[in-house]
Amino acid sequence: LQVGGGITSSNAKEWLEYGASHVIVTSHVFHNGQIDWERLNSLVELIGKERLVLDLSCRRRIGDTTADGSYYVVTDRWQTFTDVPVNEETLLKLGGYCAEFLVHGVENEGKRCGILEDLVELLGKYSPVPVTYAGGVKGIEDLDRVKELGGGKVDLTIGSALDCFGGDIKYDDVVAWHKKENP
């Protein structure tokens, strides 16, 4: 059981004591548009990197004429851009401080319009720790696509696209796919 939302250095240990295996953190570490190394180091010292999941949910800066198509970490319910790009350097550096990454492709999240293939590929190529991608799944074929693009190193979470949440993908089909891929 992983818990996220409002996690800080002052409550992370408490959530772990309540039974969570990991805490998921974004805004506390990505403070004022930057990585707050003091907060990150404090959190790691307090709970250990093996119990920390860093949420690198990200978006491209659409309409920014200086943008190079890069994804940037977003905070505050995905409304505030940071200056932290999701790229090889960031993944390698932050991977030393956590057990895994959670990455929502925010621009496709909840829209059932397809995964962000370039982002999945980037995560599979450069993440030094386990990573879970979320965002845009529209069909069962996206499970195969994430496996392929991520080189078998990227996990996938599906939400609104599942039939139990009003979507078209049958939960039982996802379970069958998972059992087939993980005998």
Protein backbone atom coordinates (compact mmCIF):
# COMPACT_ATOMS: atom_id res chain seq x y z
CA LEU A 1 0.00 0.00 0.00
CA GLN A 2 1.46 3.32 -1.09
CA VAL A 3 0.00 6.63 0.03
CA GLY A 4 0.39 10.07 -1.50
CA GLY A 5 -1.10 13.53 -1.34
CA GLY A 6 0.10 16.11 1.15
CA ILE A 7 3.08 14.01 2.25
CA THR A 8 5.82 16.01 3.96
CA SER A 9 8.75 15.38 6.28
CA SER A 10 6.43 16.03 9.20
CA ASN A 11 3.91 13.27 8.36
CA ALA A 12 5.70 10.72 6.15
CA LYS A 13 6.89 8.53 9.02
CA GLU A 14 3.39 8.54 10.52
CA TRP A 15 1.87 7.18 7.28
CA LEU A 16 4.46 4.41 7.23
CA GLU A 17 3.65 3.58 10.86
CA TYR A 18 -0.04 3.38 9.88
CA GLY A 19 0.89 0.59 7.47
CA ALA A 20 1.85 2.15 4.15
CA SER A 21 4.80 0.46 2.46
CA HIS A 22 5.83 3.69 0.70
CA VAL A 23 4.94 7.36 0.64
CA ILE A 24 4.52 9.20 -2.68
CA VAL A 25 5.83 12.77 -2.71
CA THR A 26 5.71 15.62 -5.22
CA SER A 27 5.05 19.17 -4.04
CA HIS A 28 7.05 18.87 -0.82
CA VAL A 29 10.23 18.07 -2.77
CA PHE A 30 9.54 20.22 -5.84
CA HIS A 31 9.18 23.50 -3.99
CA ASN A 32 9.10 26.93 -5.62
CA GLY A 33 9.68 25.39 -9.03
CA GLN A 34 12.93 23.66 -8.10
CA ILE A 35 14.12 20.48 -6.41
CA ASP A 36 14.39 21.34 -2.72
CA TRP A 37 17.46 19.26 -1.92
CA GLU A 38 17.25 20.06 1.78
CA ARG A 39 13.70 18.70 1.97
CA LEU A 40 14.57 15.66 -0.15
CA ASN A 41 17.62 14.81 1.95
CA SER A 42 15.63 15.29 5.16
CA LEU A 43 12.90 12.95 3.90
CA VAL A 44 15.40 10.28 2.86
CA GLU A 45 17.19 10.55 6.20
CA LEU A 46 13.87 10.25 8.04
CA ILE A 47 12.29 7.28 6.21
CA GLY A 48 14.99 5.87 3.93
CA LYS A 49 15.02 5.95 0.15
CA GLU A 50 13.61 2.41 0.03
CA ARG A 51 10.24 3.72 1.29
CA LEU A 52 10.04 6.80 -0.93
CA VAL A 53 8.29 7.11 -4.31
CA LEU A 54 8.96 10.37 -6.15
CA ASP A 55 6.04 11.54 -8.26
CA LEU A 56 7.43 13.07 -11.43
CA SER A 57 4.05 13.77 -13.01
CA CYS A 58 4.73 16.01 -15.94
CA ARG A 59 3.48 18.04 -18.90
CA ARG A 60 4.92 19.81 -21.89
CA ARG A 61 4.77 23.59 -21.93
CA ILE A 62 2.26 24.01 -24.73
CA GLY A 63 2.39 27.40 -26.37
CA ASP A 64 5.79 28.28 -24.92
CA THR A 65 7.80 29.38 -27.94
CA THR A 66 11.06 28.57 -26.14
CA ALA A 67 9.93 25.04 -25.28
CA ASP A 68 11.85 22.17 -26.83
CA GLY A 69 9.09 19.61 -26.38
CA SER A 70 10.48 18.50 -23.02
CA TYR A 71 8.28 17.36 -20.17
CA TYR A 72 8.47 19.28 -16.90
CA VAL A 73 7.44 18.15 -13.44
CA VAL A 74 4.17 19.76 -12.36
CA THR A 75 2.89 20.22 -8.81
CA ASP A 76 -0.14 21.53 -6.94
CA ARG A 77 -2.68 19.20 -8.57
CA TRP A 78 -0.72 19.42 -11.83
CA GLN A 79 -1.37 23.17 -12.18
CA THR A 80 2.10 24.57 -11.45
CA PHE A 81 5.09 23.98 -13.72
CA THR A 82 8.49 23.53 -12.14
CA ASP A 83 11.78 24.20 -13.89
CA VAL A 84 12.65 20.50 -13.52
CA PRO A 85 12.70 18.62 -16.82
CA VAL A 86 11.99 14.89 -16.93
CA ASN A 87 15.10 13.78 -18.77
CA GLU A 88 18.08 11.45 -18.43
CA GLU A 89 19.97 13.73 -16.03
CA THR A 90 17.00 14.28 -13.70
CA LEU A 91 16.02 10.60 -13.66
CA LEU A 92 19.59 9.49 -12.89
CA LYS A 93 20.08 12.08 -10.19
CA LEU A 94 16.74 11.59 -8.42
CA GLY A 95 16.92 7.81 -8.78
CA GLY A 96 19.56 7.84 -6.07
CA TYR A 97 17.05 9.22 -3.58
CA CYS A 98 14.04 6.93 -4.00
CA ALA A 99 12.80 3.38 -4.47
CA GLU A 100 10.74 4.20 -7.54
CA PHE A 101 9.09 6.86 -9.66
CA LEU A 102 5.43 7.45 -10.38
CA VAL A 103 4.91 9.44 -13.58
CA HIS A 104 1.54 10.68 -14.78
CA GLY A 105 1.51 11.90 -18.38
CA VAL A 106 -0.73 14.74 -17.27
CA GLU A 107 -1.77 16.01 -20.69
CA ASN A 108 -3.39 12.62 -21.43
CA GLU A 109 -4.42 11.63 -17.90
CA GLY A 110 -8.06 10.57 -17.68
CA LYS A 111 -8.74 11.24 -21.37
CA ARG A 112 -8.45 7.68 -22.75
CA CYS A 113 -6.71 9.09 -25.83
CA GLY A 114 -3.58 6.94 -25.84
CA ILE A 115 -0.35 6.89 -23.90
CA LEU A 116 2.45 9.42 -24.33
CA GLU A 117 4.75 7.11 -26.24
CA ASP A 118 7.80 9.37 -26.17
CA LEU A 119 7.52 9.72 -22.39
CA VAL A 120 7.19 5.96 -21.85
CA GLU A 121 10.21 5.39 -24.08
CA LEU A 122 12.24 8.00 -22.15
CA LEU A 123 11.33 6.37 -18.82
CA GLY A 124 12.26 2.90 -20.03
CA LYS A 125 15.56 4.09 -21.42
CA TYR A 126 16.79 6.22 -18.51
CA SER A 127 15.08 5.40 -15.22
CA PRO A 128 17.53 3.71 -12.85
CA VAL A 129 14.71 2.62 -10.51
CA PRO A 130 11.33 0.97 -11.10
CA VAL A 131 8.85 3.36 -12.70
CA THR A 132 5.08 3.33 -13.10
CA TYR A 133 3.47 5.35 -15.90
CA ALA A 134 -0.14 6.55 -15.86
CA GLY A 135 -2.09 8.53 -18.40
CA GLY A 136 -4.18 8.10 -21.51
CA VAL A 137 -4.66 4.34 -21.69
CA LYS A 138 -7.43 3.71 -24.23
CA GLY A 139 -7.25 0.00 -24.95
CA ILE A 140 -5.71 -3.29 -23.93
CA GLU A 141 -3.14 -2.83 -26.71
CA ASP A 142 -1.61 0.00 -24.66
CA LEU A 143 -0.34 -2.60 -22.18
CA ASP A 144 1.68 -4.22 -24.95
CA ARG A 145 2.81 -0.81 -26.21
CA VAL A 146 4.12 0.24 -22.79
CA LYS A 147 5.93 -3.07 -22.44
CA GLU A 148 7.54 -2.60 -25.85
CA LEU A 149 8.40 1.12 -25.61
CA GLY A 150 9.56 0.85 -22.01
CA GLY A 151 11.74 -2.15 -22.72
CA GLY A 152 9.89 -4.16 -20.10
CA LYS A 153 11.03 -1.72 -17.41
CA VAL A 154 7.93 0.48 -17.15
CA ASP A 155 4.82 -0.57 -15.24
CA LEU A 156 1.42 0.83 -16.12
CA THR A 157 -1.52 1.90 -14.03
CA ILE A 158 -4.99 2.16 -15.56
CA GLY A 159 -7.81 4.19 -14.05
CA SER A 160 -10.78 5.68 -15.87
CA ALA A 161 -10.34 3.42 -18.89
CA LEU A 162 -11.35 0.36 -16.82
CA ASP A 163 -14.92 -0.87 -17.08
CA CYS A 164 -15.34 -0.66 -13.30
CA PHE A 165 -14.77 3.10 -13.59
CA GLY A 166 -16.94 3.61 -16.68
CA GLY A 167 -14.34 2.82 -19.34
CA ASP A 168 -14.18 0.24 -22.11
CA ILE A 169 -11.31 -1.96 -20.92
CA LYS A 170 -12.48 -5.00 -19.03
CA TYR A 171 -10.75 -5.42 -15.71
CA ASP A 172 -10.75 -9.20 -16.24
CA ASP A 173 -8.89 -8.72 -19.55
CA VAL A 174 -6.18 -6.70 -17.78
CA VAL A 175 -5.82 -9.39 -15.12
CA ALA A 176 -5.58 -12.07 -17.84
CA TRP A 177 -2.94 -10.02 -19.70
CA HIS A 178 -0.93 -9.61 -16.50
CA LYS A 179 -1.08 -13.34 -15.69
CA LYS A 180 0.01 -14.19 -19.24
CA GLU A 181 2.95 -11.78 -19.09
CA ASN A 182 3.95 -12.74 -15.53
CA PRO A 183 3.50 -16.51 -15.22
